[in-house]
Amino acid sequence: MTDTVLYEVGDGLATITINRPEAMNALDIATKVALREAVLEAAGDGGVRAVLLTAAGDRAFCVGQDLKEHIGLLAADREAGSGVTMTTVKEHYNPIVRAIASMPKPVVAGVNGVAAGAGFGLALAADFRVVADSAAFNTSFAGVALTADSGVSWTLPRVVGPGRAADLLLFPRSVKSAEAYEWGIANRVVPGAELRSAAEKVARVLASGPTVAYAALKESVAFGLTHSLGETLEKEDELQGRAGASADHAVAVAAFVAKETPLYSGR
């Protein structure tokens, strides 16, 4: 990984920080590669029980594609008669978003500023979004004559509904934090100065929780969005068997009976 993405693990929490504040945390190729490596590492590390995805500075969480780099790449494409530039969706955005959404542990996005385009997509892929009161969200894609990527065409309608999603995609605008909270884009809004500590607090609570149950909850909700009630009931039966066999379930039941606070191992 490069210094454009910082990665650290402590007490079961992996913190991934997009670190290009001077460019509003825009995603150039080096940053996309580093971010992909970071989320895949967090997803595959059995010692990581929760992930905090955030960004440096206080102006932007991530404004999406680095358009300054993009312009040069498009010119090179035209000269070579190729379409290599747009393979970034398949090579970078897709694996990043897929890993965030499907990893068997909760992901918290600490949105410290503007989240636009793919930056909006990264935030939506997370399971929980703690948002600074000064932050804003913007789809941005149509503004540069592009369609949605980074999973936004899947996640946004499920969060705000298809009508609002169409409005935000066809007529890009800034959705301020208060409106984002009202629409369910933000799960919690906090003063900007408290964003990092508030997001980390949420993530640490999840990192000390019943990881097997959290993984099952993520899988169950994702499954239920695209399957029938009958199929989802069968999936719940399967996943409840997995959660019920976990060490954490036994600990939780014993603690409940003893009127104690359970101490989970994540297994």
Protein backbone atom coordinates (compact mmCIF):
# COMPACT_ATOMS: atom_id res chain seq x y z
CA MET A 1 0.00 0.00 0.00
CA THR A 2 1.06 3.58 -0.60
CA ASP A 3 0.71 6.47 1.82
CA THR A 4 -2.43 7.55 -0.05
CA VAL A 5 -4.26 4.87 1.95
CA LEU A 6 -3.40 4.24 5.60
CA TYR A 7 -4.14 0.88 7.20
CA GLU A 8 -3.90 -0.02 10.87
CA VAL A 9 -5.33 -2.74 13.07
CA GLY A 10 -5.85 -2.66 16.82
CA ASP A 11 -8.15 -4.55 19.20
CA GLY A 12 -10.01 -6.21 16.34
CA LEU A 13 -10.67 -2.97 14.47
CA ALA A 14 -9.11 -2.23 11.07
CA THR A 15 -9.03 1.47 10.23
CA ILE A 16 -8.68 2.36 6.56
CA THR A 17 -8.03 6.03 5.84
CA ILE A 18 -8.04 7.55 2.36
CA ASN A 19 -5.14 9.97 2.68
CA ARG A 20 -5.19 12.54 -0.13
CA PRO A 21 -6.70 15.56 1.64
CA GLU A 22 -4.94 17.97 -0.73
CA ALA A 23 -6.95 16.41 -3.59
CA MET A 24 -10.16 16.07 -1.55
CA ASN A 25 -9.35 12.38 -1.33
CA ALA A 26 -9.96 11.85 -5.04
CA LEU A 27 -9.22 8.38 -6.34
CA ASP A 28 -6.25 8.17 -8.66
CA ILE A 29 -5.01 4.76 -9.80
CA ALA A 30 -2.47 4.38 -7.00
CA THR A 31 -5.12 5.16 -4.38
CA LYS A 32 -7.66 2.78 -5.92
CA VAL A 33 -5.13 -0.05 -5.96
CA ALA A 34 -4.12 0.65 -2.34
CA LEU A 35 -7.74 0.89 -1.23
CA ARG A 36 -8.57 -2.39 -2.95
CA GLU A 37 -5.64 -4.06 -1.19
CA ALA A 38 -6.68 -2.62 2.17
CA VAL A 39 -10.31 -3.71 2.07
CA LEU A 40 -9.38 -7.17 0.81
CA GLU A 41 -6.82 -7.52 3.59
CA ALA A 42 -9.38 -6.46 6.20
CA ALA A 43 -11.98 -8.83 4.74
CA GLY A 44 -9.63 -11.80 4.87
CA ASP A 45 -8.04 -11.16 8.26
CA GLY A 46 -9.71 -13.33 10.89
CA GLY A 47 -8.37 -11.05 13.61
CA VAL A 48 -10.33 -8.09 12.21
CA ARG A 49 -13.86 -8.00 13.61
CA ALA A 50 -14.97 -4.59 12.27
CA VAL A 51 -13.71 -1.99 9.82
CA LEU A 52 -13.73 1.79 9.95
CA LEU A 53 -13.45 3.45 6.53
CA THR A 54 -12.74 7.15 6.72
CA ALA A 55 -10.59 9.88 5.17
CA ALA A 56 -8.03 12.51 6.09
CA GLY A 57 -8.89 16.18 6.45
CA ASP A 58 -12.26 17.80 7.03
CA ARG A 59 -13.29 18.89 3.52
CA ALA A 60 -13.97 15.60 1.81
CA PHE A 61 -14.54 11.93 2.49
CA CYS A 62 -13.90 11.20 -1.18
CA VAL A 63 -14.94 13.11 -4.30
CA GLY A 64 -14.66 10.01 -6.50
CA GLN A 65 -12.50 9.66 -9.58
CA ASP A 66 -9.46 11.94 -9.83
CA LEU A 67 -10.56 13.83 -12.93
CA LYS A 68 -7.16 15.49 -13.45
CA GLU A 69 -5.58 12.08 -13.91
CA HIS A 70 -8.65 10.87 -15.80
CA ILE A 71 -8.33 13.55 -18.48
CA GLY A 72 -4.80 12.45 -19.30
CA LEU A 73 -5.80 8.79 -19.40
CA LEU A 74 -8.70 9.52 -21.76
CA ALA A 75 -6.37 11.42 -24.10
CA ALA A 76 -3.97 8.47 -24.12
CA ASP A 77 -6.90 6.15 -24.86
CA ARG A 78 -7.97 8.23 -27.84
CA GLU A 79 -4.44 8.29 -29.19
CA ALA A 80 -4.07 4.53 -28.81
CA GLY A 81 -7.61 3.76 -29.94
CA SER A 82 -8.30 1.81 -26.74
CA GLY A 83 -10.76 1.98 -23.85
CA VAL A 84 -8.37 1.03 -21.09
CA THR A 85 -9.31 3.95 -18.83
CA MET A 86 -12.82 2.71 -18.13
CA THR A 87 -11.60 -0.73 -17.06
CA THR A 88 -11.08 0.91 -13.66
CA VAL A 89 -14.68 -0.04 -12.84
CA LYS A 90 -13.96 -3.76 -13.21
CA GLU A 91 -10.41 -3.64 -11.86
CA HIS A 92 -10.87 -1.29 -8.91
CA TYR A 93 -14.35 -0.11 -7.98
CA ASN A 94 -16.13 -3.45 -8.29
CA PRO A 95 -13.76 -5.46 -6.07
CA ILE A 96 -13.56 -2.65 -3.52
CA VAL A 97 -17.33 -2.29 -3.17
CA ARG A 98 -17.92 -6.04 -3.28
CA ALA A 99 -15.42 -6.57 -0.45
CA ILE A 100 -16.92 -3.82 1.71
CA ALA A 101 -20.49 -5.02 1.23
CA SER A 102 -19.88 -8.74 1.54
CA MET A 103 -17.09 -9.11 4.11
CA PRO A 104 -18.28 -11.13 7.12
CA LYS A 105 -17.86 -8.25 9.54
CA PRO A 106 -19.47 -4.82 9.91
CA VAL A 107 -18.04 -1.79 8.09
CA VAL A 108 -18.56 1.74 9.42
CA ALA A 109 -18.02 4.71 7.14
CA GLY A 110 -16.89 7.87 8.92
CA VAL A 111 -17.94 10.51 6.39
CA ASN A 112 -15.97 13.62 7.29
CA GLY A 113 -16.90 15.79 4.30
CA VAL A 114 -18.12 15.65 0.73
CA ALA A 115 -18.84 12.15 -0.62
CA ALA A 116 -19.36 12.34 -4.38
CA GLY A 117 -19.48 9.85 -7.23
CA ALA A 118 -17.52 6.75 -6.26
CA GLY A 119 -17.00 8.32 -2.84
CA PHE A 120 -20.77 8.21 -2.35
CA GLY A 121 -20.65 4.59 -3.52
CA LEU A 122 -18.02 3.69 -0.93
CA ALA A 123 -20.13 5.21 1.85
CA LEU A 124 -23.29 3.45 0.68
CA ALA A 125 -21.51 0.08 0.56
CA ALA A 126 -20.76 0.33 4.29
CA ASP A 127 -23.17 -1.06 6.86
CA PHE A 128 -23.34 2.07 9.02
CA ARG A 129 -22.59 5.69 8.21
CA VAL A 130 -21.53 8.25 10.82
CA VAL A 131 -21.61 11.63 9.10
CA ALA A 132 -20.19 15.03 9.98
CA ASP A 133 -22.80 17.79 10.08
CA SER A 134 -20.80 19.65 7.41
CA ALA A 135 -20.75 16.66 5.03
CA ALA A 136 -22.78 16.31 1.85
CA PHE A 137 -23.49 13.60 -0.72
CA ASN A 138 -23.68 13.92 -4.49
CA THR A 139 -24.05 11.25 -7.18
CA SER A 140 -22.11 13.45 -9.67
CA PHE A 141 -22.04 10.85 -12.48
CA ALA A 142 -24.46 12.53 -14.90
CA GLY A 143 -22.63 15.81 -14.36
CA VAL A 144 -19.64 14.36 -16.20
CA ALA A 145 -21.73 12.37 -18.70
CA LEU A 146 -21.25 9.01 -17.00
CA THR A 147 -23.55 6.37 -15.59
CA ALA A 148 -23.42 5.12 -12.02
CA ASP A 149 -20.66 2.84 -10.82
CA SER A 150 -19.21 1.71 -7.45
CA GLY A 151 -22.51 -0.04 -6.76
CA VAL A 152 -24.59 3.14 -6.54
CA SER A 153 -27.27 1.87 -8.94
CA TRP A 154 -27.81 -1.02 -6.49
CA THR A 155 -27.28 0.59 -3.10
CA LEU A 156 -28.89 4.02 -3.57
CA PRO A 157 -32.40 2.81 -4.57
CA ARG A 158 -32.36 0.41 -1.62
CA VAL A 159 -31.51 3.20 0.80
CA VAL A 160 -33.69 6.05 -0.49
CA GLY A 161 -36.15 4.30 -2.82
CA PRO A 162 -36.14 4.18 -6.64
CA GLY A 163 -37.91 7.53 -7.12
CA ARG A 164 -35.47 9.53 -5.02
CA ALA A 165 -32.55 7.59 -6.49
CA ALA A 166 -33.64 8.53 -10.02
CA ASP A 167 -33.92 12.17 -8.96
CA LEU A 168 -30.43 12.22 -7.43
CA LEU A 169 -28.89 10.38 -10.38
CA LEU A 170 -30.54 12.35 -13.17
CA PHE A 171 -30.26 15.73 -11.44
CA PRO A 172 -27.09 15.59 -9.30
CA ARG A 173 -27.10 17.93 -6.31
CA SER A 174 -25.61 18.12 -2.86
CA VAL A 175 -27.62 16.31 -0.19
CA LYS A 176 -26.70 17.97 3.10
CA SER A 177 -26.32 15.96 6.29
CA ALA A 178 -29.76 16.75 7.72
CA GLU A 179 -31.51 15.59 4.56
CA ALA A 180 -29.17 12.60 4.33
CA TYR A 181 -30.23 11.57 7.84
CA GLU A 182 -33.90 12.02 7.00
CA TRP A 183 -33.52 9.80 3.92
CA GLY A 184 -31.50 7.10 5.69
CA ILE A 185 -28.21 7.84 3.92
CA ALA A 186 -26.70 8.91 7.25
CA ASN A 187 -27.30 6.71 10.28
CA ARG A 188 -25.90 9.27 12.68
CA VAL A 189 -24.91 12.94 12.28
CA VAL A 190 -22.34 14.50 14.62
CA PRO A 191 -20.39 17.78 14.77
CA GLY A 192 -17.45 17.72 12.39
CA ALA A 193 -14.90 17.98 15.19
CA GLU A 194 -16.34 14.83 16.77
CA LEU A 195 -16.61 12.76 13.59
CA ARG A 196 -13.51 10.62 13.99
CA SER A 197 -14.07 9.81 17.65
CA ALA A 198 -17.79 9.14 17.13
CA ALA A 199 -17.23 6.86 14.14
CA GLU A 200 -14.43 5.04 15.94
CA LYS A 201 -16.63 4.54 19.00
CA VAL A 202 -19.34 2.89 16.87
CA ALA A 203 -16.77 0.74 15.09
CA ARG A 204 -15.11 -0.36 18.35
CA VAL A 205 -18.46 -1.40 19.81
CA LEU A 206 -19.01 -3.57 16.74
CA ALA A 207 -15.45 -4.92 16.89
CA SER A 208 -16.13 -6.21 20.42
CA GLY A 209 -19.50 -7.70 19.49
CA PRO A 210 -20.74 -11.11 18.27
CA THR A 211 -18.93 -11.23 14.92
CA VAL A 212 -20.55 -14.45 13.69
CA ALA A 213 -24.00 -12.98 14.31
CA TYR A 214 -23.05 -9.72 12.56
CA ALA A 215 -21.82 -11.66 9.52
CA ALA A 216 -25.07 -13.62 9.42
CA LEU A 217 -27.10 -10.41 9.70
CA LYS A 218 -25.24 -8.86 6.75
CA GLU A 219 -25.75 -11.99 4.66
CA SER A 220 -29.42 -12.30 5.62
CA VAL A 221 -30.32 -8.72 4.75
CA ALA A 222 -28.46 -8.85 1.42
CA PHE A 223 -30.17 -12.14 0.57
CA GLY A 224 -33.62 -10.87 1.54
CA LEU A 225 -33.35 -7.87 -0.78
CA THR A 226 -33.26 -10.08 -3.85
CA HIS A 227 -35.21 -13.20 -2.83
CA SER A 228 -38.75 -14.20 -1.92
CA LEU A 229 -40.09 -14.43 1.63
CA GLY A 230 -40.01 -18.22 1.47
CA GLU A 231 -36.40 -18.28 0.29
CA THR A 232 -35.44 -15.74 2.93
CA LEU A 233 -37.07 -17.79 5.69
CA GLU A 234 -34.98 -20.76 4.60
CA LYS A 235 -31.85 -18.61 4.59
CA GLU A 236 -32.67 -17.33 8.09
CA ASP A 237 -32.99 -20.93 9.28
CA GLU A 238 -29.57 -21.75 7.81
CA LEU A 239 -27.90 -18.67 9.26
CA GLN A 240 -29.53 -19.00 12.67
CA GLY A 241 -28.09 -22.49 12.89
CA ARG A 242 -24.65 -21.02 12.26
CA ALA A 243 -25.09 -18.23 14.81
CA GLY A 244 -26.62 -20.58 17.37
CA ALA A 245 -23.59 -22.86 17.19
CA SER A 246 -21.16 -20.00 17.83
CA ALA A 247 -19.21 -19.63 21.04
CA ASP A 248 -20.51 -16.09 21.34
CA HIS A 249 -24.13 -17.28 21.48
CA ALA A 250 -23.32 -19.56 24.41
CA VAL A 251 -21.51 -16.71 26.14
CA ALA A 252 -24.43 -14.33 25.53
CA VAL A 253 -27.03 -16.72 26.94
CA ALA A 254 -24.94 -17.50 30.02
CA ALA A 255 -24.33 -13.79 30.61
CA PHE A 256 -28.03 -13.00 30.24
CA VAL A 257 -28.99 -15.61 32.83
CA ALA A 258 -26.25 -14.41 35.19
CA LYS A 259 -27.21 -10.77 34.58
CA GLU A 260 -23.66 -10.03 33.40
CA THR A 261 -22.21 -8.24 30.38
CA PRO A 262 -21.08 -10.78 27.78
CA LEU A 263 -17.46 -10.78 26.68
CA TYR A 264 -17.42 -11.89 23.05
CA SER A 265 -14.50 -13.58 21.29
CA GLY A 266 -15.90 -13.16 17.77
CA ARG A 267 -16.21 -16.93 17.29
